[in-house]
Protein backbone atom coordinates (compact mmCIF):
# COMPACT_ATOMS: atom_id res chain seq x y z
CA UNK A 1 0.00 0.00 0.00
CA UNK A 2 1.38 3.41 -0.93
CA UNK A 3 1.86 6.19 1.60
CA UNK A 4 -0.85 8.26 -0.10
CA UNK A 5 -3.27 5.32 0.06
CA UNK A 6 -2.56 4.86 3.80
CA UNK A 7 -3.22 8.55 4.38
CA UNK A 8 -6.53 8.29 2.52
CA UNK A 9 -7.60 5.33 4.66
CA UNK A 10 -6.57 7.14 7.84
CA UNK A 11 -8.52 10.26 6.88
CA UNK A 12 -11.59 8.27 5.86
CA UNK A 13 -11.62 6.29 9.08
CA UNK A 14 -11.76 9.53 11.09
CA UNK A 15 -15.14 10.57 9.75
CA UNK A 16 -18.57 9.15 10.47
CA UNK A 17 -19.83 10.22 7.03
CA UNK A 18 -17.99 7.73 4.83
CA UNK A 19 -15.27 5.10 4.66
CA UNK A 20 -13.13 3.51 1.98
CA UNK A 21 -14.00 -0.15 1.38
CA UNK A 22 -11.53 -2.92 0.53
CA UNK A 23 -11.89 -2.14 -3.19
CA UNK A 24 -10.97 1.52 -2.66
CA UNK A 25 -14.52 2.82 -3.11
CA UNK A 26 -15.93 5.64 -1.01
CA UNK A 27 -19.00 4.36 0.86
CA UNK A 28 -21.39 6.73 2.64
CA UNK A 29 -22.54 5.64 6.10
CA UNK A 30 -26.15 5.44 7.22
CA UNK A 31 -25.42 8.37 9.54
CA UNK A 32 -24.41 10.59 6.60
CA UNK A 33 -27.35 9.49 4.45
CA UNK A 34 -29.80 10.32 7.26
CA UNK A 35 -28.07 13.66 7.82
CA UNK A 36 -28.41 14.44 4.10
CA UNK A 37 -32.17 14.05 4.51
CA UNK A 38 -33.35 12.39 1.29
CA UNK A 39 -32.95 9.25 -0.80
CA UNK A 40 -30.97 9.63 -4.03
CA UNK A 41 -32.32 6.31 -5.37
CA UNK A 42 -28.86 5.08 -6.38
CA UNK A 43 -29.01 1.94 -4.24
CA UNK A 44 -26.52 3.09 -1.59
CA UNK A 45 -25.10 0.25 0.49
CA UNK A 46 -26.33 1.74 3.79
CA UNK A 47 -29.54 3.42 2.60
CA UNK A 48 -31.70 4.23 5.63
CA UNK A 49 -34.73 4.82 3.38
CA UNK A 50 -35.06 1.21 2.21
CA UNK A 51 -34.37 1.84 -1.48
CA UNK A 52 -33.05 -1.25 -3.30
CA UNK A 53 -32.10 -1.39 -6.98
PDB file of N, CA and C in Angstrom:
ATOM      1  N   UNK A   1       0.856  -1.180   0.000  1.00  0.00           N
ATOM      2  CA  UNK A   1       0.000   0.000   0.000  1.00  0.00           C
ATOM      3  C   UNK A   1       0.901   1.241   0.000  1.00  0.00           C
ATOM      4  N   UNK A   2       0.572   2.190  -0.840  1.00  0.00           N
ATOM      5  CA  UNK A   2       1.377   3.407  -0.927  1.00  0.00           C
ATOM      6  C   UNK A   2       1.111   4.318   0.261  1.00  0.00           C
ATOM      7  N   UNK A   3       2.026   5.240   0.490  1.00  0.00           N
ATOM      8  CA  UNK A   3       1.862   6.191   1.597  1.00  0.00           C
ATOM      9  C   UNK A   3       0.586   7.019   1.409  1.00  0.00           C
ATOM     10  N   UNK A   4       0.345   7.462   0.171  1.00  0.00           N
ATOM     11  CA  UNK A   4      -0.848   8.263  -0.101  1.00  0.00           C
ATOM     12  C   UNK A   4      -2.110   7.449   0.203  1.00  0.00           C
ATOM     13  N   UNK A   5      -2.113   6.194  -0.174  1.00  0.00           N
ATOM     14  CA  UNK A   5      -3.269   5.321   0.059  1.00  0.00           C
ATOM     15  C   UNK A   5      -3.515   5.161   1.566  1.00  0.00           C
ATOM     16  N   UNK A   6      -2.433   4.978   2.344  1.00  0.00           N
ATOM     17  CA  UNK A   6      -2.563   4.855   3.796  1.00  0.00           C
ATOM     18  C   UNK A   6      -3.155   6.131   4.384  1.00  0.00           C
ATOM     19  N   UNK A   7      -2.700   7.274   3.894  1.00  0.00           N
ATOM     20  CA  UNK A   7      -3.219   8.554   4.384  1.00  0.00           C
ATOM     21  C   UNK A   7      -4.697   8.685   4.071  1.00  0.00           C
ATOM     22  N   UNK A   8      -5.118   8.233   2.883  1.00  0.00           N
ATOM     23  CA  UNK A   8      -6.529   8.288   2.518  1.00  0.00           C
ATOM     24  C   UNK A   8      -7.352   7.429   3.469  1.00  0.00           C
ATOM     25  N   UNK A   9      -6.881   6.234   3.757  1.00  0.00           N
ATOM     26  CA  UNK A   9      -7.598   5.334   4.662  1.00  0.00           C
ATOM     27  C   UNK A   9      -7.685   5.944   6.061  1.00  0.00           C
ATOM     28  N   UNK A  10      -6.592   6.525   6.517  1.00  0.00           N
ATOM     29  CA  UNK A  10      -6.569   7.139   7.837  1.00  0.00           C
ATOM     30  C   UNK A  10      -7.572   8.273   7.906  1.00  0.00           C
ATOM     31  N   UNK A  11      -7.592   9.130   6.892  1.00  0.00           N
ATOM     32  CA  UNK A  11      -8.525  10.256   6.878  1.00  0.00           C
ATOM     33  C   UNK A  11      -9.962   9.754   6.851  1.00  0.00           C
ATOM     34  N   UNK A  12     -10.232   8.777   5.998  1.00  0.00           N
ATOM     35  CA  UNK A  12     -11.593   8.269   5.855  1.00  0.00           C
ATOM     36  C   UNK A  12     -12.081   7.609   7.137  1.00  0.00           C
ATOM     37  N   UNK A  13     -11.192   6.978   7.871  1.00  0.00           N
ATOM     38  CA  UNK A  13     -11.617   6.294   9.081  1.00  0.00           C
ATOM     39  C   UNK A  13     -11.921   7.274  10.210  1.00  0.00           C
ATOM     40  N   UNK A  14     -11.537   8.534  10.051  1.00  0.00           N
ATOM     41  CA  UNK A  14     -11.755   9.529  11.093  1.00  0.00           C
ATOM     42  C   UNK A  14     -13.097  10.237  10.949  1.00  0.00           C
ATOM     43  N   UNK A  15     -13.861   9.903   9.953  1.00  0.00           N
ATOM     44  CA  UNK A  15     -15.142  10.566   9.752  1.00  0.00           C
ATOM     45  C   UNK A  15     -16.277   9.566   9.921  1.00  0.00           C
ATOM     46  N   UNK A  16     -17.412  10.035  10.361  1.00  0.00           N
ATOM     47  CA  UNK A  16     -18.565   9.152  10.467  1.00  0.00           C
ATOM     48  C   UNK A  16     -19.458   9.263   9.240  1.00  0.00           C
ATOM     49  N   UNK A  17     -19.027  10.029   8.235  1.00  0.00           N
ATOM     50  CA  UNK A  17     -19.827  10.223   7.030  1.00  0.00           C
ATOM     51  C   UNK A  17     -19.533   9.208   5.935  1.00  0.00           C
ATOM     52  N   UNK A  18     -18.329   8.700   5.871  1.00  0.00           N
ATOM     53  CA  UNK A  18     -17.987   7.730   4.835  1.00  0.00           C
ATOM     54  C   UNK A  18     -16.751   6.944   5.237  1.00  0.00           C
ATOM     55  N   UNK A  19     -16.499   5.872   4.491  1.00  0.00           N
ATOM     56  CA  UNK A  19     -15.273   5.098   4.660  1.00  0.00           C
ATOM     57  C   UNK A  19     -14.857   4.576   3.300  1.00  0.00           C
ATOM     58  N   UNK A  20     -13.644   4.096   3.207  1.00  0.00           N
ATOM     59  CA  UNK A  20     -13.131   3.506   1.982  1.00  0.00           C
ATOM     60  C   UNK A  20     -13.196   1.989   2.148  1.00  0.00           C
ATOM     61  N   UNK A  21     -13.891   1.301   1.244  1.00  0.00           N
ATOM     62  CA  UNK A  21     -14.004  -0.151   1.376  1.00  0.00           C
ATOM     63  C   UNK A  21     -12.748  -0.840   0.851  1.00  0.00           C
ATOM     64  N   UNK A  22     -12.727  -2.168   0.911  1.00  0.00           N
ATOM     65  CA  UNK A  22     -11.529  -2.921   0.531  1.00  0.00           C
ATOM     66  C   UNK A  22     -11.188  -2.787  -0.950  1.00  0.00           C
ATOM     67  N   UNK A  23     -12.140  -2.354  -1.766  1.00  0.00           N
ATOM     68  CA  UNK A  23     -11.894  -2.142  -3.193  1.00  0.00           C
ATOM     69  C   UNK A  23     -11.495  -0.702  -3.510  1.00  0.00           C
ATOM     70  N   UNK A  24     -11.375   0.130  -2.473  1.00  0.00           N
ATOM     71  CA  UNK A  24     -10.972   1.522  -2.664  1.00  0.00           C
ATOM     72  C   UNK A  24     -12.118   2.459  -2.985  1.00  0.00           C
ATOM     73  N   UNK A  25     -13.352   1.986  -2.813  1.00  0.00           N
ATOM     74  CA  UNK A  25     -14.521   2.822  -3.110  1.00  0.00           C
ATOM     75  C   UNK A  25     -14.962   3.596  -1.881  1.00  0.00           C
ATOM     76  N   UNK A  26     -15.393   4.825  -2.085  1.00  0.00           N
ATOM     77  CA  UNK A  26     -15.927   5.642  -1.009  1.00  0.00           C
ATOM     78  C   UNK A  26     -17.365   5.189  -0.757  1.00  0.00           C
ATOM     79  N   UNK A  27     -17.682   4.855   0.497  1.00  0.00           N
ATOM     80  CA  UNK A  27     -19.000   4.360   0.864  1.00  0.00           C
ATOM     81  C   UNK A  27     -19.578   5.274   1.940  1.00  0.00           C
ATOM     82  N   UNK A  28     -20.731   5.877   1.656  1.00  0.00           N
ATOM     83  CA  UNK A  28     -21.393   6.731   2.643  1.00  0.00           C
ATOM     84  C   UNK A  28     -22.007   5.871   3.741  1.00  0.00           C
ATOM     85  N   UNK A  29     -21.945   6.356   4.981  1.00  0.00           N
ATOM     86  CA  UNK A  29     -22.540   5.644   6.102  1.00  0.00           C
ATOM     87  C   UNK A  29     -24.018   5.986   6.223  1.00  0.00           C
ATOM     88  N   UNK A  30     -24.734   5.168   6.972  1.00  0.00           N
ATOM     89  CA  UNK A  30     -26.147   5.444   7.216  1.00  0.00           C
ATOM     90  C   UNK A  30     -26.299   6.788   7.924  1.00  0.00           C
ATOM     91  N   UNK A  31     -25.383   7.089   8.827  1.00  0.00           N
ATOM     92  CA  UNK A  31     -25.416   8.371   9.537  1.00  0.00           C
ATOM     93  C   UNK A  31     -25.404   9.542   8.549  1.00  0.00           C
ATOM     94  N   UNK A  32     -24.496   9.505   7.585  1.00  0.00           N
ATOM     95  CA  UNK A  32     -24.409  10.587   6.600  1.00  0.00           C
ATOM     96  C   UNK A  32     -25.684  10.664   5.756  1.00  0.00           C
ATOM     97  N   UNK A  33     -26.171   9.503   5.312  1.00  0.00           N
ATOM     98  CA  UNK A  33     -27.351   9.494   4.448  1.00  0.00           C
ATOM     99  C   UNK A  33     -28.580  10.045   5.174  1.00  0.00           C
ATOM    100  N   UNK A  34     -28.705   9.737   6.468  1.00  0.00           N
ATOM    101  CA  UNK A  34     -29.803  10.316   7.257  1.00  0.00           C
ATOM    102  C   UNK A  34     -29.620  11.822   7.404  1.00  0.00           C
ATOM    103  N   UNK A  35     -28.374  12.233   7.648  1.00  0.00           N
ATOM    104  CA  UNK A  35     -28.071  13.658   7.821  1.00  0.00           C
ATOM    105  C   UNK A  35     -28.371  14.429   6.533  1.00  0.00           C
ATOM    106  N   UNK A  36     -28.132  13.797   5.378  1.00  0.00           N
ATOM    107  CA  UNK A  36     -28.411  14.443   4.097  1.00  0.00           C
ATOM    108  C   UNK A  36     -29.903  14.712   3.939  1.00  0.00           C
ATOM    109  N   UNK A  37     -30.741  13.781   4.421  1.00  0.00           N
ATOM    110  CA  UNK A  37     -32.171  14.045   4.509  1.00  0.00           C
ATOM    111  C   UNK A  37     -33.054  13.581   3.371  1.00  0.00           C
ATOM    112  N   UNK A  38     -32.515  12.913   2.373  1.00  0.00           N
ATOM    113  CA  UNK A  38     -33.354  12.394   1.293  1.00  0.00           C
ATOM    114  C   UNK A  38     -32.688  11.201   0.629  1.00  0.00           C
ATOM    115  N   UNK A  39     -33.472  10.414  -0.072  1.00  0.00           N
ATOM    116  CA  UNK A  39     -32.951   9.250  -0.798  1.00  0.00           C
ATOM    117  C   UNK A  39     -32.602   9.655  -2.231  1.00  0.00           C
ATOM    118  N   UNK A  40     -31.408   9.302  -2.659  1.00  0.00           N
ATOM    119  CA  UNK A  40     -30.968   9.634  -4.025  1.00  0.00           C
ATOM    120  C   UNK A  40     -31.366   8.552  -5.029  1.00  0.00           C
ATOM    121  N   UNK A  41     -31.878   7.436  -4.558  1.00  0.00           N
ATOM    122  CA  UNK A  41     -32.321   6.306  -5.371  1.00  0.00           C
ATOM    123  C   UNK A  41     -31.213   5.715  -6.234  1.00  0.00           C
ATOM    124  N   UNK A  42     -29.988   5.704  -5.694  1.00  0.00           N
ATOM    125  CA  UNK A  42     -28.857   5.083  -6.383  1.00  0.00           C
ATOM    126  C   UNK A  42     -28.504   3.715  -5.805  1.00  0.00           C
ATOM    127  N   UNK A  43     -29.268   3.253  -4.833  1.00  0.00           N
ATOM    128  CA  UNK A  43     -29.015   1.939  -4.235  1.00  0.00           C
ATOM    129  C   UNK A  43     -27.813   1.938  -3.311  1.00  0.00           C
ATOM    130  N   UNK A  44     -27.654   2.987  -2.522  1.00  0.00           N
ATOM    131  CA  UNK A  44     -26.522   3.087  -1.590  1.00  0.00           C
ATOM    132  C   UNK A  44     -26.488   1.880  -0.655  1.00  0.00           C
ATOM    133  N   UNK A  45     -25.296   1.417  -0.348  1.00  0.00           N
ATOM    134  CA  UNK A  45     -25.096   0.245   0.491  1.00  0.00           C
ATOM    135  C   UNK A  45     -25.772   0.364   1.855  1.00  0.00           C
ATOM    136  N   UNK A  46     -25.767   1.540   2.449  1.00  0.00           N
ATOM    137  CA  UNK A  46     -26.326   1.738   3.791  1.00  0.00           C
ATOM    138  C   UNK A  46     -27.563   2.635   3.785  1.00  0.00           C
ATOM    139  N   UNK A  47     -28.362   2.552   2.738  1.00  0.00           N
ATOM    140  CA  UNK A  47     -29.538   3.418   2.595  1.00  0.00           C
ATOM    141  C   UNK A  47     -30.511   3.234   3.762  1.00  0.00           C
ATOM    142  N   UNK A  48     -30.761   4.325   4.519  1.00  0.00           N
ATOM    143  CA  UNK A  48     -31.703   4.235   5.633  1.00  0.00           C
ATOM    144  C   UNK A  48     -33.164   4.374   5.190  1.00  0.00           C
ATOM    145  N   UNK A  49     -33.387   4.592   3.898  1.00  0.00           N
ATOM    146  CA  UNK A  49     -34.731   4.818   3.377  1.00  0.00           C
ATOM    147  C   UNK A  49     -35.327   3.570   2.725  1.00  0.00           C
ATOM    148  N   UNK A  50     -34.552   2.480   2.715  1.00  0.00           N
ATOM    149  CA  UNK A  50     -35.062   1.209   2.213  1.00  0.00           C
ATOM    150  C   UNK A  50     -35.041   1.049   0.707  1.00  0.00           C
ATOM    151  N   UNK A  51     -34.408   1.953  -0.022  1.00  0.00           N
ATOM    152  CA  UNK A  51     -34.368   1.843  -1.484  1.00  0.00           C
ATOM    153  C   UNK A  51     -33.415   0.716  -1.890  1.00  0.00           C
ATOM    154  N   UNK A  52     -33.877  -0.165  -2.742  1.00  0.00           N
ATOM    155  CA  UNK A  52     -33.049  -1.250  -3.300  1.00  0.00           C
ATOM    156  C   UNK A  52     -33.169  -1.217  -4.808  1.00  0.00           C
ATOM    157  N   UNK A  53     -32.053  -1.362  -5.507  1.00  0.00           N
ATOM    158  CA  UNK A  53     -32.095  -1.390  -6.978  1.00  0.00           C
ATOM    159  C   UNK A  53     -32.486  -2.746  -7.470  1.00  0.00           C
TER     160      UNK A  53
END
